[in-house]
Amino acid sequence: MNTSALAVIVAAPDSLRYSLQALLARLPQIAEVRALEHALPAALWELQPRLAVLDADLLRDKAEPLLAHIKGLSPRTRIVLLADQIDQQQTLQTSAADLVVLKGHPAADLFAQIEQLLAQNQPESDPEDSR
């Protein structure tokens, strides 16, 4: 049975995860996934979130195949990666991630970019609904 979450946070239990929780607190239905590789794709398939925010350090050298697998299971999920260094950010720009930003990116800018990603992911509204 598929459940639903708007956002999934994948980060170690430290200040990064807590900061992401605070940043995304305005969004309903936030879930957390702590295990990667097998558990992460399964969890994202189950939750079908509109947004997944991942600490790139947890992906290590498996980013490309893991993100491609996630996109295959949950194509509507927008993936945001948080990188530690500029070279890591540049390397990950070519991955299946929708957005790659450096950790420490201004929170207001990051949230605005996330809102923009989510707005692009909205289903088309029925023209009759606006009447």
N, C-alpha and C. Protein backbone atom coordinates (compact mmCIF):
# COMPACT_ATOMS: atom_id res chain seq x y z
N MET A 1 0.85 -1.18 0.00
CA MET A 1 0.00 0.00 0.00
C MET A 1 0.89 1.23 0.00
N ASN A 2 0.67 2.13 -0.95
CA ASN A 2 1.43 3.37 -0.99
C ASN A 2 0.82 4.39 -0.06
N THR A 3 1.65 5.00 0.76
CA THR A 3 1.22 6.12 1.58
C THR A 3 1.74 7.36 0.90
N SER A 4 1.63 8.50 1.53
CA SER A 4 2.08 9.71 0.87
C SER A 4 2.79 10.62 1.85
N ALA A 5 3.82 11.28 1.37
CA ALA A 5 4.52 12.30 2.13
C ALA A 5 4.86 13.41 1.15
N LEU A 6 4.85 14.60 1.63
CA LEU A 6 5.22 15.71 0.77
C LEU A 6 6.74 15.76 0.63
N ALA A 7 7.45 15.55 1.75
CA ALA A 7 8.91 15.66 1.72
C ALA A 7 9.56 14.56 2.55
N VAL A 8 10.73 14.14 2.10
CA VAL A 8 11.53 13.16 2.82
C VAL A 8 12.91 13.79 3.03
N ILE A 9 13.41 13.68 4.25
CA ILE A 9 14.74 14.17 4.58
C ILE A 9 15.65 12.97 4.80
N VAL A 10 16.79 12.96 4.13
CA VAL A 10 17.77 11.89 4.31
C VAL A 10 19.08 12.56 4.72
N ALA A 11 19.36 12.53 6.02
CA ALA A 11 20.58 13.14 6.55
C ALA A 11 20.88 12.49 7.89
N ALA A 12 22.15 12.52 8.26
CA ALA A 12 22.55 11.96 9.55
C ALA A 12 21.89 12.77 10.68
N PRO A 13 21.68 12.13 11.83
CA PRO A 13 21.04 12.85 12.95
C PRO A 13 22.00 13.85 13.58
N ASP A 14 22.12 15.00 12.94
CA ASP A 14 22.98 16.06 13.45
C ASP A 14 22.34 17.40 13.11
N SER A 15 23.10 18.45 13.21
CA SER A 15 22.53 19.78 13.00
C SER A 15 21.96 19.96 11.59
N LEU A 16 22.51 19.27 10.59
CA LEU A 16 21.98 19.39 9.24
C LEU A 16 20.54 18.89 9.18
N ARG A 17 20.28 17.71 9.74
CA ARG A 17 18.92 17.18 9.72
C ARG A 17 17.97 18.10 10.48
N TYR A 18 18.40 18.57 11.64
CA TYR A 18 17.53 19.43 12.44
C TYR A 18 17.27 20.76 11.73
N SER A 19 18.26 21.27 11.03
CA SER A 19 18.08 22.50 10.27
C SER A 19 17.09 22.29 9.13
N LEU A 20 17.21 21.15 8.45
CA LEU A 20 16.28 20.85 7.36
C LEU A 20 14.86 20.69 7.89
N GLN A 21 14.71 20.04 9.04
CA GLN A 21 13.39 19.91 9.65
C GLN A 21 12.79 21.28 9.93
N ALA A 22 13.60 22.18 10.47
CA ALA A 22 13.12 23.52 10.76
C ALA A 22 12.77 24.27 9.48
N LEU A 23 13.62 24.15 8.46
CA LEU A 23 13.40 24.84 7.19
C LEU A 23 12.10 24.37 6.52
N LEU A 24 11.88 23.06 6.57
CA LEU A 24 10.73 22.49 5.87
C LEU A 24 9.50 22.35 6.77
N ALA A 25 9.55 22.90 7.97
CA ALA A 25 8.44 22.74 8.92
C ALA A 25 7.12 23.28 8.37
N ARG A 26 7.17 24.22 7.44
CA ARG A 26 5.94 24.76 6.85
C ARG A 26 5.25 23.75 5.93
N LEU A 27 5.99 22.72 5.51
CA LEU A 27 5.40 21.70 4.64
C LEU A 27 4.78 20.60 5.49
N PRO A 28 3.59 20.16 5.14
CA PRO A 28 2.98 19.06 5.89
C PRO A 28 3.62 17.72 5.50
N GLN A 29 3.47 16.76 6.34
CA GLN A 29 3.85 15.37 6.05
C GLN A 29 5.32 15.21 5.67
N ILE A 30 6.20 15.49 6.61
CA ILE A 30 7.62 15.28 6.39
C ILE A 30 8.02 13.95 7.02
N ALA A 31 8.71 13.13 6.27
CA ALA A 31 9.19 11.84 6.75
C ALA A 31 10.72 11.86 6.75
N GLU A 32 11.31 10.94 7.48
CA GLU A 32 12.76 10.82 7.50
C GLU A 32 13.14 9.39 7.17
N VAL A 33 14.21 9.24 6.40
CA VAL A 33 14.75 7.93 6.06
C VAL A 33 16.20 7.94 6.49
N ARG A 34 16.59 6.93 7.24
CA ARG A 34 17.96 6.93 7.77
C ARG A 34 18.88 5.97 7.01
N ALA A 35 18.36 4.97 6.38
CA ALA A 35 19.20 3.98 5.69
C ALA A 35 19.20 4.27 4.19
N LEU A 36 20.29 3.93 3.56
CA LEU A 36 20.40 4.16 2.12
C LEU A 36 20.37 2.86 1.35
N GLU A 37 20.79 2.95 0.12
CA GLU A 37 20.85 1.85 -0.83
C GLU A 37 19.51 1.14 -0.96
N HIS A 38 19.30 0.02 -0.27
CA HIS A 38 18.06 -0.74 -0.46
C HIS A 38 16.88 -0.05 0.21
N ALA A 39 17.08 0.49 1.39
CA ALA A 39 15.97 1.06 2.15
C ALA A 39 15.46 2.36 1.54
N LEU A 40 16.36 3.20 1.04
CA LEU A 40 15.92 4.49 0.51
C LEU A 40 15.02 4.35 -0.70
N PRO A 41 15.40 3.63 -1.74
CA PRO A 41 14.47 3.49 -2.87
C PRO A 41 13.14 2.87 -2.45
N ALA A 42 13.17 1.87 -1.59
CA ALA A 42 11.92 1.25 -1.14
C ALA A 42 11.06 2.25 -0.38
N ALA A 43 11.68 3.03 0.48
CA ALA A 43 10.93 4.03 1.26
C ALA A 43 10.34 5.09 0.35
N LEU A 44 11.11 5.54 -0.64
CA LEU A 44 10.59 6.55 -1.55
C LEU A 44 9.50 5.99 -2.45
N TRP A 45 9.60 4.73 -2.84
CA TRP A 45 8.53 4.12 -3.62
C TRP A 45 7.26 4.05 -2.76
N GLU A 46 7.42 3.69 -1.51
CA GLU A 46 6.27 3.58 -0.61
C GLU A 46 5.64 4.94 -0.33
N LEU A 47 6.46 5.95 -0.08
CA LEU A 47 5.95 7.27 0.30
C LEU A 47 5.54 8.12 -0.90
N GLN A 48 6.19 7.91 -2.05
CA GLN A 48 5.95 8.72 -3.25
C GLN A 48 5.96 10.21 -2.91
N PRO A 49 7.04 10.71 -2.29
CA PRO A 49 7.06 12.12 -1.90
C PRO A 49 7.23 13.03 -3.11
N ARG A 50 6.82 14.26 -2.96
CA ARG A 50 7.07 15.25 -4.01
C ARG A 50 8.48 15.80 -3.92
N LEU A 51 9.11 15.64 -2.73
CA LEU A 51 10.43 16.20 -2.51
C LEU A 51 11.27 15.26 -1.67
N ALA A 52 12.52 15.07 -2.06
CA ALA A 52 13.49 14.33 -1.25
C ALA A 52 14.73 15.21 -1.11
N VAL A 53 15.12 15.51 0.12
CA VAL A 53 16.31 16.30 0.39
C VAL A 53 17.34 15.36 0.97
N LEU A 54 18.48 15.22 0.29
CA LEU A 54 19.49 14.25 0.69
C LEU A 54 20.84 14.91 0.93
N ASP A 55 21.51 14.45 1.96
CA ASP A 55 22.89 14.84 2.23
C ASP A 55 23.75 14.04 1.26
N ALA A 56 24.44 14.73 0.36
CA ALA A 56 25.25 14.06 -0.66
C ALA A 56 26.34 13.18 -0.07
N ASP A 57 26.82 13.52 1.12
CA ASP A 57 27.86 12.71 1.76
C ASP A 57 27.40 11.29 2.02
N LEU A 58 26.11 11.11 2.27
CA LEU A 58 25.60 9.77 2.53
C LEU A 58 25.58 8.91 1.27
N LEU A 59 25.57 9.54 0.11
CA LEU A 59 25.51 8.79 -1.15
C LEU A 59 26.88 8.29 -1.59
N ARG A 60 27.90 9.00 -1.18
CA ARG A 60 29.29 8.70 -1.54
C ARG A 60 29.42 8.51 -3.06
N ASP A 61 30.03 7.44 -3.49
CA ASP A 61 30.25 7.23 -4.93
C ASP A 61 29.07 6.54 -5.61
N LYS A 62 27.98 6.36 -4.89
CA LYS A 62 26.82 5.66 -5.45
C LYS A 62 25.72 6.62 -5.88
N ALA A 63 26.00 7.91 -5.93
CA ALA A 63 24.97 8.91 -6.21
C ALA A 63 24.26 8.67 -7.53
N GLU A 64 25.02 8.52 -8.61
CA GLU A 64 24.40 8.40 -9.94
C GLU A 64 23.46 7.20 -10.05
N PRO A 65 23.90 5.97 -9.74
CA PRO A 65 22.96 4.85 -9.88
C PRO A 65 21.80 4.91 -8.88
N LEU A 66 22.07 5.39 -7.67
CA LEU A 66 21.01 5.45 -6.66
C LEU A 66 19.95 6.47 -7.04
N LEU A 67 20.36 7.65 -7.50
CA LEU A 67 19.40 8.67 -7.90
C LEU A 67 18.61 8.25 -9.14
N ALA A 68 19.27 7.59 -10.08
CA ALA A 68 18.57 7.09 -11.27
C ALA A 68 17.53 6.05 -10.87
N HIS A 69 17.90 5.20 -9.92
CA HIS A 69 16.96 4.18 -9.43
C HIS A 69 15.77 4.83 -8.74
N ILE A 70 16.03 5.85 -7.93
CA ILE A 70 14.95 6.58 -7.24
C ILE A 70 14.02 7.23 -8.25
N LYS A 71 14.58 7.89 -9.26
CA LYS A 71 13.76 8.53 -10.29
C LYS A 71 12.92 7.51 -11.06
N GLY A 72 13.47 6.31 -11.26
CA GLY A 72 12.72 5.26 -11.93
C GLY A 72 11.53 4.78 -11.10
N LEU A 73 11.72 4.72 -9.79
CA LEU A 73 10.65 4.26 -8.89
C LEU A 73 9.64 5.36 -8.59
N SER A 74 10.10 6.58 -8.52
CA SER A 74 9.24 7.70 -8.13
C SER A 74 9.56 8.91 -9.00
N PRO A 75 9.15 8.88 -10.27
CA PRO A 75 9.56 9.93 -11.21
C PRO A 75 9.09 11.33 -10.86
N ARG A 76 8.02 11.45 -10.09
CA ARG A 76 7.53 12.79 -9.76
C ARG A 76 8.28 13.41 -8.59
N THR A 77 9.11 12.62 -7.90
CA THR A 77 9.86 13.13 -6.76
C THR A 77 10.97 14.06 -7.23
N ARG A 78 10.99 15.27 -6.69
CA ARG A 78 12.05 16.22 -6.96
C ARG A 78 13.15 15.97 -5.93
N ILE A 79 14.39 15.85 -6.41
CA ILE A 79 15.51 15.51 -5.53
C ILE A 79 16.43 16.72 -5.37
N VAL A 80 16.67 17.08 -4.11
CA VAL A 80 17.59 18.16 -3.76
C VAL A 80 18.76 17.52 -3.03
N LEU A 81 19.97 17.75 -3.54
CA LEU A 81 21.18 17.25 -2.89
C LEU A 81 21.91 18.40 -2.22
N LEU A 82 22.43 18.13 -1.03
CA LEU A 82 23.24 19.11 -0.31
C LEU A 82 24.68 18.66 -0.33
N ALA A 83 25.53 19.44 -0.98
CA ALA A 83 26.95 19.09 -1.14
C ALA A 83 27.81 19.88 -0.16
N ASP A 84 28.96 19.31 0.18
CA ASP A 84 29.89 19.96 1.10
C ASP A 84 30.82 20.95 0.41
N GLN A 85 31.25 20.60 -0.80
CA GLN A 85 32.27 21.39 -1.49
C GLN A 85 31.83 21.69 -2.92
N ILE A 86 32.42 22.74 -3.47
CA ILE A 86 32.06 23.16 -4.83
C ILE A 86 32.34 22.07 -5.85
N ASP A 87 33.47 21.36 -5.73
CA ASP A 87 33.77 20.31 -6.71
C ASP A 87 32.75 19.17 -6.61
N GLN A 88 32.30 18.86 -5.41
CA GLN A 88 31.26 17.84 -5.24
C GLN A 88 29.95 18.33 -5.87
N GLN A 89 29.63 19.60 -5.65
CA GLN A 89 28.42 20.18 -6.23
C GLN A 89 28.47 20.11 -7.75
N GLN A 90 29.60 20.48 -8.33
CA GLN A 90 29.73 20.47 -9.79
C GLN A 90 29.63 19.05 -10.35
N THR A 91 30.22 18.09 -9.66
CA THR A 91 30.15 16.69 -10.10
C THR A 91 28.71 16.20 -10.08
N LEU A 92 27.96 16.57 -9.05
CA LEU A 92 26.59 16.09 -8.88
C LEU A 92 25.58 16.83 -9.77
N GLN A 93 25.98 17.95 -10.37
CA GLN A 93 25.07 18.70 -11.24
C GLN A 93 24.58 17.84 -12.40
N THR A 94 25.37 16.86 -12.82
CA THR A 94 24.99 16.03 -13.96
C THR A 94 24.19 14.80 -13.52
N SER A 95 23.92 14.66 -12.24
CA SER A 95 23.18 13.51 -11.74
C SER A 95 21.68 13.71 -11.98
N ALA A 96 20.89 12.78 -11.50
CA ALA A 96 19.44 12.85 -11.64
C ALA A 96 18.81 13.83 -10.66
N ALA A 97 19.63 14.51 -9.87
CA ALA A 97 19.09 15.49 -8.92
C ALA A 97 18.50 16.68 -9.66
N ASP A 98 17.44 17.24 -9.09
CA ASP A 98 16.81 18.42 -9.68
C ASP A 98 17.50 19.70 -9.23
N LEU A 99 18.17 19.64 -8.07
CA LEU A 99 18.86 20.80 -7.53
C LEU A 99 20.00 20.32 -6.67
N VAL A 100 21.17 20.91 -6.84
CA VAL A 100 22.34 20.60 -6.01
C VAL A 100 22.86 21.91 -5.45
N VAL A 101 22.85 22.03 -4.13
CA VAL A 101 23.31 23.26 -3.49
C VAL A 101 24.35 22.92 -2.43
N LEU A 102 25.15 23.91 -2.10
CA LEU A 102 26.13 23.73 -1.05
C LEU A 102 25.46 23.82 0.32
N LYS A 103 25.93 23.00 1.24
CA LYS A 103 25.47 23.13 2.61
C LYS A 103 25.85 24.53 3.08
N GLY A 104 24.99 25.15 3.81
CA GLY A 104 25.23 26.52 4.24
C GLY A 104 24.63 27.54 3.29
N HIS A 105 24.00 27.06 2.21
CA HIS A 105 23.27 27.93 1.29
C HIS A 105 22.23 28.70 2.11
N PRO A 106 22.02 29.98 1.87
CA PRO A 106 21.05 30.73 2.67
C PRO A 106 19.68 30.03 2.69
N ALA A 107 19.15 29.88 3.89
CA ALA A 107 17.91 29.11 4.07
C ALA A 107 16.75 29.69 3.27
N ALA A 108 16.62 30.99 3.25
CA ALA A 108 15.51 31.61 2.51
C ALA A 108 15.61 31.30 1.02
N ASP A 109 16.82 31.36 0.47
CA ASP A 109 17.02 31.04 -0.95
C ASP A 109 16.71 29.58 -1.23
N LEU A 110 17.19 28.70 -0.34
CA LEU A 110 16.95 27.26 -0.52
C LEU A 110 15.46 26.97 -0.48
N PHE A 111 14.75 27.54 0.48
CA PHE A 111 13.31 27.28 0.57
C PHE A 111 12.59 27.82 -0.67
N ALA A 112 13.00 28.99 -1.17
CA ALA A 112 12.39 29.54 -2.39
C ALA A 112 12.63 28.61 -3.58
N GLN A 113 13.83 28.06 -3.68
CA GLN A 113 14.13 27.13 -4.77
C GLN A 113 13.30 25.85 -4.63
N ILE A 114 13.14 25.38 -3.40
CA ILE A 114 12.33 24.18 -3.16
C ILE A 114 10.87 24.45 -3.51
N GLU A 115 10.36 25.61 -3.11
CA GLU A 115 8.97 25.95 -3.45
C GLU A 115 8.79 26.01 -4.97
N GLN A 116 9.80 26.53 -5.67
CA GLN A 116 9.72 26.59 -7.13
C GLN A 116 9.71 25.19 -7.74
N LEU A 117 10.55 24.29 -7.22
CA LEU A 117 10.55 22.91 -7.69
C LEU A 117 9.19 22.25 -7.47
N LEU A 118 8.63 22.47 -6.29
CA LEU A 118 7.34 21.86 -5.98
C LEU A 118 6.22 22.45 -6.83
N ALA A 119 6.31 23.73 -7.14
CA ALA A 119 5.30 24.35 -8.00
C ALA A 119 5.35 23.77 -9.40
N GLN A 120 6.55 23.45 -9.88
CA GLN A 120 6.69 22.82 -11.20
C GLN A 120 6.11 21.42 -11.20
N ASN A 121 6.02 20.83 -10.03
CA ASN A 121 5.59 19.44 -9.89
C ASN A 121 4.10 19.32 -9.61
N GLN A 122 3.38 20.45 -9.63
CA GLN A 122 1.95 20.43 -9.34
C GLN A 122 1.18 19.84 -10.53
N PRO A 123 0.16 19.03 -10.24
CA PRO A 123 -0.67 18.55 -11.33
C PRO A 123 -1.43 19.71 -11.95
N GLU A 124 -1.70 19.59 -13.22
CA GLU A 124 -2.47 20.62 -13.92
C GLU A 124 -3.82 20.80 -13.22
N SER A 125 -4.22 22.03 -13.00
CA SER A 125 -5.53 22.26 -12.37
C SER A 125 -6.60 22.29 -13.45
N ASP A 126 -7.79 21.94 -13.05
CA ASP A 126 -8.93 21.93 -13.95
C ASP A 126 -9.40 23.36 -14.14
N PRO A 127 -9.53 23.85 -15.37
CA PRO A 127 -9.98 25.24 -15.60
C PRO A 127 -11.32 25.52 -14.94
N GLU A 128 -12.17 24.51 -14.80
CA GLU A 128 -13.46 24.73 -14.17
C GLU A 128 -13.31 25.02 -12.69
N ASP A 129 -12.22 24.63 -12.07
CA ASP A 129 -11.99 24.90 -10.65
C ASP A 129 -11.83 26.38 -10.37
N SER A 130 -11.41 27.16 -11.35
CA SER A 130 -11.17 28.59 -11.12
C SER A 130 -12.42 29.43 -11.29
N ARG A 131 -13.51 28.80 -11.63
CA ARG A 131 -14.75 29.54 -11.82
C ARG A 131 -15.44 29.82 -10.53
